[in-house]
Structure formats: C-alpha cells, structure tokens
Amino acid sequence: MDGKEHDPGDAVPPGVAVQTPEALSEEDEKVKEKLEHLGDGKTPG
C-alpha cells in the first residue's frame, strides 16, 4: 500500500447498495427500540 489508511469496504460501487432500504417489520422495530435503549438505564415499554 502507499502508506495511507484505506479500507476497501469504504467505497460501494454504484448498483451494489440499495437506494431505499426496506421498511422494518414490527418485530425488527421492537428489537431496534431495545437496542437503542440498551445501556441508558431505562427499560423500554
């Protein structure tokens, strides 16, 4: 390498990544909410 820090995962070629992510399911939303509150000292719901 040329001495510069470079992670090949930093760039995503066009057409590889989705433009609009799929909506989360109800179960996924619950998991997301729990993860967002993890460690904040609060119990969700």
PDB file of N, CA and C in Angstrom:
ATOM      1  N   MET A   1       0.828  -1.181   0.000  1.00  0.00           N
ATOM      2  CA  MET A   1       0.000   0.000   0.000  1.00  0.00           C
ATOM      3  C   MET A   1       0.877   1.252   0.000  1.00  0.00           C
ATOM      4  N   ASP A   2       0.266   2.365  -0.226  1.00  0.00           N
ATOM      5  CA  ASP A   2       1.019   3.603  -0.346  1.00  0.00           C
ATOM      6  C   ASP A   2       1.176   4.347   0.983  1.00  0.00           C
ATOM      7  N   GLY A   3       0.906   3.691   2.118  1.00  0.00           N
ATOM      8  CA  GLY A   3       1.062   4.326   3.413  1.00  0.00           C
ATOM      9  C   GLY A   3      -0.187   4.999   3.926  1.00  0.00           C
ATOM     10  N   LYS A   4      -1.179   5.181   3.095  1.00  0.00           N
ATOM     11  CA  LYS A   4      -2.438   5.790   3.523  1.00  0.00           C
ATOM     12  C   LYS A   4      -3.364   4.698   4.044  1.00  0.00           C
ATOM     13  N   GLU A   5      -4.114   5.070   5.067  1.00  0.00           N
ATOM     14  CA  GLU A   5      -5.092   4.125   5.591  1.00  0.00           C
ATOM     15  C   GLU A   5      -6.247   4.016   4.602  1.00  0.00           C
ATOM     16  N   HIS A   6      -6.550   2.814   4.164  1.00  0.00           N
ATOM     17  CA  HIS A   6      -7.634   2.609   3.208  1.00  0.00           C
ATOM     18  C   HIS A   6      -8.310   1.292   3.514  1.00  0.00           C
ATOM     19  N   ASP A   7      -9.589   1.346   3.716  1.00  0.00           N
ATOM     20  CA  ASP A   7     -10.381   0.157   3.919  1.00  0.00           C
ATOM     21  C   ASP A   7     -11.184  -0.066   2.647  1.00  0.00           C
ATOM     22  N   PRO A   8     -10.989  -1.181   1.956  1.00  0.00           N
ATOM     23  CA  PRO A   8     -11.711  -1.403   0.705  1.00  0.00           C
ATOM     24  C   PRO A   8     -13.224  -1.410   0.884  1.00  0.00           C
ATOM     25  N   GLY A   9     -13.706  -1.553   2.107  1.00  0.00           N
ATOM     26  CA  GLY A   9     -15.139  -1.519   2.357  1.00  0.00           C
ATOM     27  C   GLY A   9     -15.682  -0.106   2.464  1.00  0.00           C
ATOM     28  N   ASP A  10     -14.802   0.905   2.387  1.00  0.00           N
ATOM     29  CA  ASP A  10     -15.259   2.285   2.493  1.00  0.00           C
ATOM     30  C   ASP A  10     -16.068   2.732   1.278  1.00  0.00           C
ATOM     31  N   ALA A  11     -15.808   2.165   0.135  1.00  0.00           N
ATOM     32  CA  ALA A  11     -16.488   2.577  -1.090  1.00  0.00           C
ATOM     33  C   ALA A  11     -17.387   1.446  -1.579  1.00  0.00           C
ATOM     34  N   VAL A  12     -18.580   1.808  -1.978  1.00  0.00           N
ATOM     35  CA  VAL A  12     -19.514   0.826  -2.520  1.00  0.00           C
ATOM     36  C   VAL A  12     -19.798   1.206  -3.965  1.00  0.00           C
ATOM     37  N   PRO A  13     -19.492   0.305  -4.894  1.00  0.00           N
ATOM     38  CA  PRO A  13     -19.732   0.617  -6.306  1.00  0.00           C
ATOM     39  C   PRO A  13     -21.209   0.887  -6.584  1.00  0.00           C
ATOM     40  N   PRO A  14     -21.506   1.757  -7.524  1.00  0.00           N
ATOM     41  CA  PRO A  14     -22.894   2.038  -7.881  1.00  0.00           C
ATOM     42  C   PRO A  14     -23.638   0.756  -8.266  1.00  0.00           C
ATOM     43  N   GLY A  15     -24.875   0.655  -7.838  1.00  0.00           N
ATOM     44  CA  GLY A  15     -25.691  -0.508  -8.175  1.00  0.00           C
ATOM     45  C   GLY A  15     -25.589  -1.639  -7.179  1.00  0.00           C
ATOM     46  N   VAL A  16     -24.663  -1.536  -6.208  1.00  0.00           N
ATOM     47  CA  VAL A  16     -24.498  -2.617  -5.239  1.00  0.00           C
ATOM     48  C   VAL A  16     -25.371  -2.385  -4.011  1.00  0.00           C
ATOM     49  N   ALA A  17     -25.363  -1.182  -3.491  1.00  0.00           N
ATOM     50  CA  ALA A  17     -26.157  -0.864  -2.296  1.00  0.00           C
ATOM     51  C   ALA A  17     -27.572  -0.457  -2.699  1.00  0.00           C
ATOM     52  N   VAL A  18     -28.512  -0.775  -1.822  1.00  0.00           N
ATOM     53  CA  VAL A  18     -29.891  -0.381  -2.092  1.00  0.00           C
ATOM     54  C   VAL A  18     -30.036   1.129  -1.941  1.00  0.00           C
ATOM     55  N   GLN A  19     -30.872   1.733  -2.742  1.00  0.00           N
ATOM     56  CA  GLN A  19     -31.110   3.166  -2.667  1.00  0.00           C
ATOM     57  C   GLN A  19     -32.101   3.499  -1.563  1.00  0.00           C
ATOM     58  N   THR A  20     -33.136   2.676  -1.429  1.00  0.00           N
ATOM     59  CA  THR A  20     -34.153   2.877  -0.404  1.00  0.00           C
ATOM     60  C   THR A  20     -34.269   1.580   0.388  1.00  0.00           C
ATOM     61  N   PRO A  21     -33.912   1.610   1.674  1.00  0.00           N
ATOM     62  CA  PRO A  21     -33.985   0.386   2.462  1.00  0.00           C
ATOM     63  C   PRO A  21     -35.421  -0.081   2.659  1.00  0.00           C
ATOM     64  N   GLU A  22     -35.583  -1.377   2.807  1.00  0.00           N
ATOM     65  CA  GLU A  22     -36.901  -1.964   3.049  1.00  0.00           C
ATOM     66  C   GLU A  22     -37.365  -1.580   4.453  1.00  0.00           C
ATOM     67  N   ALA A  23     -38.636  -1.338   4.608  1.00  0.00           N
ATOM     68  CA  ALA A  23     -39.191  -0.977   5.918  1.00  0.00           C
ATOM     69  C   ALA A  23     -38.999  -2.125   6.904  1.00  0.00           C
ATOM     70  N   LEU A  24     -38.768  -1.766   8.170  1.00  0.00           N
ATOM     71  CA  LEU A  24     -38.587  -2.777   9.201  1.00  0.00           C
ATOM     72  C   LEU A  24     -39.925  -3.425   9.548  1.00  0.00           C
ATOM     73  N   SER A  25     -39.856  -4.720   9.872  1.00  0.00           N
ATOM     74  CA  SER A  25     -41.059  -5.413  10.323  1.00  0.00           C
ATOM     75  C   SER A  25     -41.366  -4.973  11.753  1.00  0.00           C
ATOM     76  N   GLU A  26     -42.529  -5.333  12.253  1.00  0.00           N
ATOM     77  CA  GLU A  26     -42.917  -4.970  13.617  1.00  0.00           C
ATOM     78  C   GLU A  26     -41.912  -5.555  14.622  1.00  0.00           C
ATOM     79  N   GLU A  27     -41.501  -6.792  14.388  1.00  0.00           N
ATOM     80  CA  GLU A  27     -40.529  -7.441  15.275  1.00  0.00           C
ATOM     81  C   GLU A  27     -39.174  -6.722  15.214  1.00  0.00           C
ATOM     82  N   ASP A  28     -38.748  -6.338  14.015  1.00  0.00           N
ATOM     83  CA  ASP A  28     -37.483  -5.615  13.857  1.00  0.00           C
ATOM     84  C   ASP A  28     -37.523  -4.264  14.568  1.00  0.00           C
ATOM     85  N   GLU A  29     -38.678  -3.587  14.524  1.00  0.00           N
ATOM     86  CA  GLU A  29     -38.834  -2.303  15.213  1.00  0.00           C
ATOM     87  C   GLU A  29     -38.667  -2.474  16.722  1.00  0.00           C
ATOM     88  N   LYS A  30     -39.228  -3.566  17.272  1.00  0.00           N
ATOM     89  CA  LYS A  30     -39.098  -3.832  18.702  1.00  0.00           C
ATOM     90  C   LYS A  30     -37.638  -4.069  19.085  1.00  0.00           C
ATOM     91  N   VAL A  31     -36.939  -4.834  18.261  1.00  0.00           N
ATOM     92  CA  VAL A  31     -35.525  -5.107  18.514  1.00  0.00           C
ATOM     93  C   VAL A  31     -34.721  -3.815  18.432  1.00  0.00           C
ATOM     94  N   LYS A  32     -35.000  -3.003  17.424  1.00  0.00           N
ATOM     95  CA  LYS A  32     -34.301  -1.727  17.265  1.00  0.00           C
ATOM     96  C   LYS A  32     -34.505  -0.845  18.488  1.00  0.00           C
ATOM     97  N   GLU A  33     -35.735  -0.765  18.979  1.00  0.00           N
ATOM     98  CA  GLU A  33     -36.039   0.061  20.147  1.00  0.00           C
ATOM     99  C   GLU A  33     -35.273  -0.434  21.375  1.00  0.00           C
ATOM    100  N   LYS A  34     -35.220  -1.752  21.557  1.00  0.00           N
ATOM    101  CA  LYS A  34     -34.479  -2.307  22.698  1.00  0.00           C
ATOM    102  C   LYS A  34     -32.994  -1.979  22.586  1.00  0.00           C
ATOM    103  N   LEU A  35     -32.448  -2.095  21.393  1.00  0.00           N
ATOM    104  CA  LEU A  35     -31.026  -1.802  21.196  1.00  0.00           C
ATOM    105  C   LEU A  35     -30.720  -0.325  21.422  1.00  0.00           C
ATOM    106  N   GLU A  36     -31.639   0.553  21.005  1.00  0.00           N
ATOM    107  CA  GLU A  36     -31.428   1.985  21.199  1.00  0.00           C
ATOM    108  C   GLU A  36     -31.418   2.350  22.675  1.00  0.00           C
ATOM    109  N   HIS A  37     -32.160   1.606  23.503  1.00  0.00           N
ATOM    110  CA  HIS A  37     -32.245   1.901  24.930  1.00  0.00           C
ATOM    111  C   HIS A  37     -31.218   1.102  25.752  1.00  0.00           C
ATOM    112  N   LEU A  38     -30.503   0.219  25.118  1.00  0.00           N
ATOM    113  CA  LEU A  38     -29.531  -0.604  25.808  1.00  0.00           C
ATOM    114  C   LEU A  38     -28.472   0.272  26.475  1.00  0.00           C
ATOM    115  N   GLY A  39     -28.326   0.114  27.761  1.00  0.00           N
ATOM    116  CA  GLY A  39     -27.290   0.836  28.475  1.00  0.00           C
ATOM    117  C   GLY A  39     -27.664   2.231  28.909  1.00  0.00           C
ATOM    118  N   ASP A  40     -28.868   2.695  28.620  1.00  0.00           N
ATOM    119  CA  ASP A  40     -29.229   4.057  29.047  1.00  0.00           C
ATOM    120  C   ASP A  40     -29.904   4.061  30.422  1.00  0.00           C
ATOM    121  N   GLY A  41     -30.011   2.877  31.054  1.00  0.00           N
ATOM    122  CA  GLY A  41     -30.584   2.810  32.386  1.00  0.00           C
ATOM    123  C   GLY A  41     -32.105   2.787  32.402  1.00  0.00           C
ATOM    124  N   LYS A  42     -32.719   2.801  31.258  1.00  0.00           N
ATOM    125  CA  LYS A  42     -34.181   2.784  31.164  1.00  0.00           C
ATOM    126  C   LYS A  42     -34.635   1.431  30.628  1.00  0.00           C
ATOM    127  N   THR A  43     -35.808   1.008  31.016  1.00  0.00           N
ATOM    128  CA  THR A  43     -36.381  -0.215  30.490  1.00  0.00           C
ATOM    129  C   THR A  43     -37.480   0.162  29.512  1.00  0.00           C
ATOM    130  N   PRO A  44     -37.346  -0.229  28.224  1.00  0.00           N
ATOM    131  CA  PRO A  44     -38.370   0.128  27.244  1.00  0.00           C
ATOM    132  C   PRO A  44     -39.693  -0.576  27.541  1.00  0.00           C
ATOM    133  N   GLY A  45     -40.785   0.141  27.276  1.00  0.00           N
ATOM    134  CA  GLY A  45     -42.131  -0.369  27.349  1.00  0.00           C
ATOM    135  C   GLY A  45     -42.487  -0.926  28.650  1.00  0.00           C
TER     136      GLY A  45
END
